[in-house]
Amino acid sequence: MNDKNQIMTDRIVQVVTDKFKSRSRVGIEKYGTTLCRNEAEILERLTHLEEELMDGLLYLQWIKEKLVPTIDQTTDTSNF
């Protein structure tokens, strides 16, 4: 950073931050409330998180298989 008044920014952080803001707007429109005002019980929130993480793992496996197309479904890809 050459200029003491110039603040360094991280493009990747900005992209992710913008996505969070967009996702928040979608959630507010869909559910009519913010996450912090959501009345859902803790177990319901944990179940929802569990389902989202499971979906994420499915996408991850699909991507890994696209990146290494020679891998069949029985191959252990944990070291990739």
C-alpha atoms as a PDB file:
ATOM      1  CA  MET A   1       0.000   0.000   0.000  1.00  0.00           C
ATOM      2  CA  ASN A   2       1.687   3.197  -1.190  1.00  0.00           C
ATOM      3  CA  ASP A   3      -0.711   5.840   0.107  1.00  0.00           C
ATOM      4  CA  LYS A   4      -1.426   5.845   3.856  1.00  0.00           C
ATOM      5  CA  ASN A   5      -5.025   6.920   3.160  1.00  0.00           C
ATOM      6  CA  GLN A   6      -5.665   4.137   0.646  1.00  0.00           C
ATOM      7  CA  ILE A   7      -7.360   1.088   2.116  1.00  0.00           C
ATOM      8  CA  MET A   8      -6.467  -2.255   0.618  1.00  0.00           C
ATOM      9  CA  THR A   9      -9.437  -4.411  -0.342  1.00  0.00           C
ATOM     10  CA  ASP A  10      -9.700  -8.055  -1.190  1.00  0.00           C
ATOM     11  CA  ARG A  11     -11.755  -8.744  -4.322  1.00  0.00           C
ATOM     12  CA  ILE A  12     -12.597 -12.267  -3.175  1.00  0.00           C
ATOM     13  CA  VAL A  13     -13.909 -11.014   0.174  1.00  0.00           C
ATOM     14  CA  GLN A  14     -15.983  -8.393  -1.650  1.00  0.00           C
ATOM     15  CA  VAL A  15     -17.514 -10.998  -3.975  1.00  0.00           C
ATOM     16  CA  VAL A  16     -18.480 -13.228  -1.034  1.00  0.00           C
ATOM     17  CA  THR A  17     -19.822 -10.261   0.950  1.00  0.00           C
ATOM     18  CA  ASP A  18     -21.979  -9.219  -2.002  1.00  0.00           C
ATOM     19  CA  LYS A  19     -23.322 -12.769  -2.246  1.00  0.00           C
ATOM     20  CA  PHE A  20     -24.208 -12.751   1.472  1.00  0.00           C
ATOM     21  CA  LYS A  21     -26.104  -9.493   1.042  1.00  0.00           C
ATOM     22  CA  SER A  22     -27.943 -10.824  -1.989  1.00  0.00           C
ATOM     23  CA  ARG A  23     -28.792 -14.078  -0.202  1.00  0.00           C
ATOM     24  CA  SER A  24     -30.113 -12.090   2.763  1.00  0.00           C
ATOM     25  CA  ARG A  25     -32.426 -10.086   0.500  1.00  0.00           C
ATOM     26  CA  VAL A  26     -33.736 -13.307  -1.072  1.00  0.00           C
ATOM     27  CA  GLY A  27     -34.394 -14.801   2.372  1.00  0.00           C
ATOM     28  CA  ILE A  28     -36.189 -11.699   3.607  1.00  0.00           C
ATOM     29  CA  GLU A  29     -38.392 -11.692   0.501  1.00  0.00           C
ATOM     30  CA  LYS A  30     -39.084 -15.424   0.756  1.00  0.00           C
ATOM     31  CA  TYR A  31     -39.706 -15.676   4.524  1.00  0.00           C
ATOM     32  CA  GLY A  32     -40.749 -12.122   5.358  1.00  0.00           C
ATOM     33  CA  THR A  33     -38.212 -11.801   8.163  1.00  0.00           C
ATOM     34  CA  THR A  34     -34.497 -11.669   8.855  1.00  0.00           C
ATOM     35  CA  LEU A  35     -32.516 -14.606  10.176  1.00  0.00           C
ATOM     36  CA  CYS A  36     -32.056 -12.981  13.573  1.00  0.00           C
ATOM     37  CA  ARG A  37     -35.838 -12.467  13.935  1.00  0.00           C
ATOM     38  CA  ASN A  38     -36.707 -15.953  12.744  1.00  0.00           C
ATOM     39  CA  GLU A  39     -38.761 -17.775  15.373  1.00  0.00           C
ATOM     40  CA  ALA A  40     -37.519 -21.241  14.366  1.00  0.00           C
ATOM     41  CA  GLU A  41     -36.351 -23.496  17.149  1.00  0.00           C
ATOM     42  CA  ILE A  42     -32.671 -24.422  17.454  1.00  0.00           C
ATOM     43  CA  LEU A  43     -33.258 -28.040  16.384  1.00  0.00           C
ATOM     44  CA  GLU A  44     -35.105 -26.866  13.258  1.00  0.00           C
ATOM     45  CA  ARG A  45     -32.200 -24.550  12.390  1.00  0.00           C
ATOM     46  CA  LEU A  46     -29.689 -27.335  12.973  1.00  0.00           C
ATOM     47  CA  THR A  47     -31.682 -29.680  10.743  1.00  0.00           C
ATOM     48  CA  HIS A  48     -31.800 -27.049   8.021  1.00  0.00           C
ATOM     49  CA  LEU A  49     -28.025 -26.530   8.307  1.00  0.00           C
ATOM     50  CA  GLU A  50     -27.480 -30.282   8.157  1.00  0.00           C
ATOM     51  CA  GLU A  51     -29.546 -30.514   4.961  1.00  0.00           C
ATOM     52  CA  GLU A  52     -27.668 -27.602   3.364  1.00  0.00           C
ATOM     53  CA  LEU A  53     -24.305 -29.152   4.218  1.00  0.00           C
ATOM     54  CA  MET A  54     -25.402 -32.498   2.789  1.00  0.00           C
ATOM     55  CA  ASP A  55     -26.412 -30.728  -0.432  1.00  0.00           C
ATOM     56  CA  GLY A  56     -23.023 -29.030  -0.484  1.00  0.00           C
ATOM     57  CA  LEU A  57     -21.239 -32.362  -0.168  1.00  0.00           C
ATOM     58  CA  LEU A  58     -23.234 -33.743  -3.087  1.00  0.00           C
ATOM     59  CA  TYR A  59     -22.190 -30.783  -5.235  1.00  0.00           C
ATOM     60  CA  LEU A  60     -18.593 -31.229  -4.082  1.00  0.00           C
ATOM     61  CA  GLN A  61     -18.566 -34.884  -5.135  1.00  0.00           C
ATOM     62  CA  TRP A  62     -20.109 -34.004  -8.503  1.00  0.00           C
ATOM     63  CA  ILE A  63     -17.431 -31.341  -9.097  1.00  0.00           C
ATOM     64  CA  LYS A  64     -14.624 -33.711  -8.114  1.00  0.00           C
ATOM     65  CA  GLU A  65     -15.903 -36.268 -10.586  1.00  0.00           C
ATOM     66  CA  LYS A  66     -16.086 -33.606 -13.317  1.00  0.00           C
ATOM     67  CA  LEU A  67     -12.513 -32.527 -12.599  1.00  0.00           C
ATOM     68  CA  VAL A  68     -11.209 -36.074 -12.665  1.00  0.00           C
ATOM     69  CA  PRO A  69     -13.529 -37.874 -15.104  1.00  0.00           C
ATOM     70  CA  THR A  70     -11.592 -41.144 -14.963  1.00  0.00           C
ATOM     71  CA  ILE A  71     -12.651 -41.712 -11.355  1.00  0.00           C
ATOM     72  CA  ASP A  72     -15.468 -44.176 -10.992  1.00  0.00           C
ATOM     73  CA  GLN A  73     -17.954 -43.915  -8.159  1.00  0.00           C
ATOM     74  CA  THR A  74     -16.238 -46.555  -6.037  1.00  0.00           C
ATOM     75  CA  THR A  75     -12.810 -44.902  -6.073  1.00  0.00           C
ATOM     76  CA  ASP A  76     -11.711 -43.359  -2.800  1.00  0.00           C
ATOM     77  CA  THR A  77     -11.146 -39.685  -3.675  1.00  0.00           C
ATOM     78  CA  SER A  78     -10.414 -38.527  -0.130  1.00  0.00           C
ATOM     79  CA  ASN A  79      -6.792 -37.792  -1.028  1.00  0.00           C
ATOM     80  CA  PHE A  80      -7.650 -35.624  -4.063  1.00  0.00           C
END
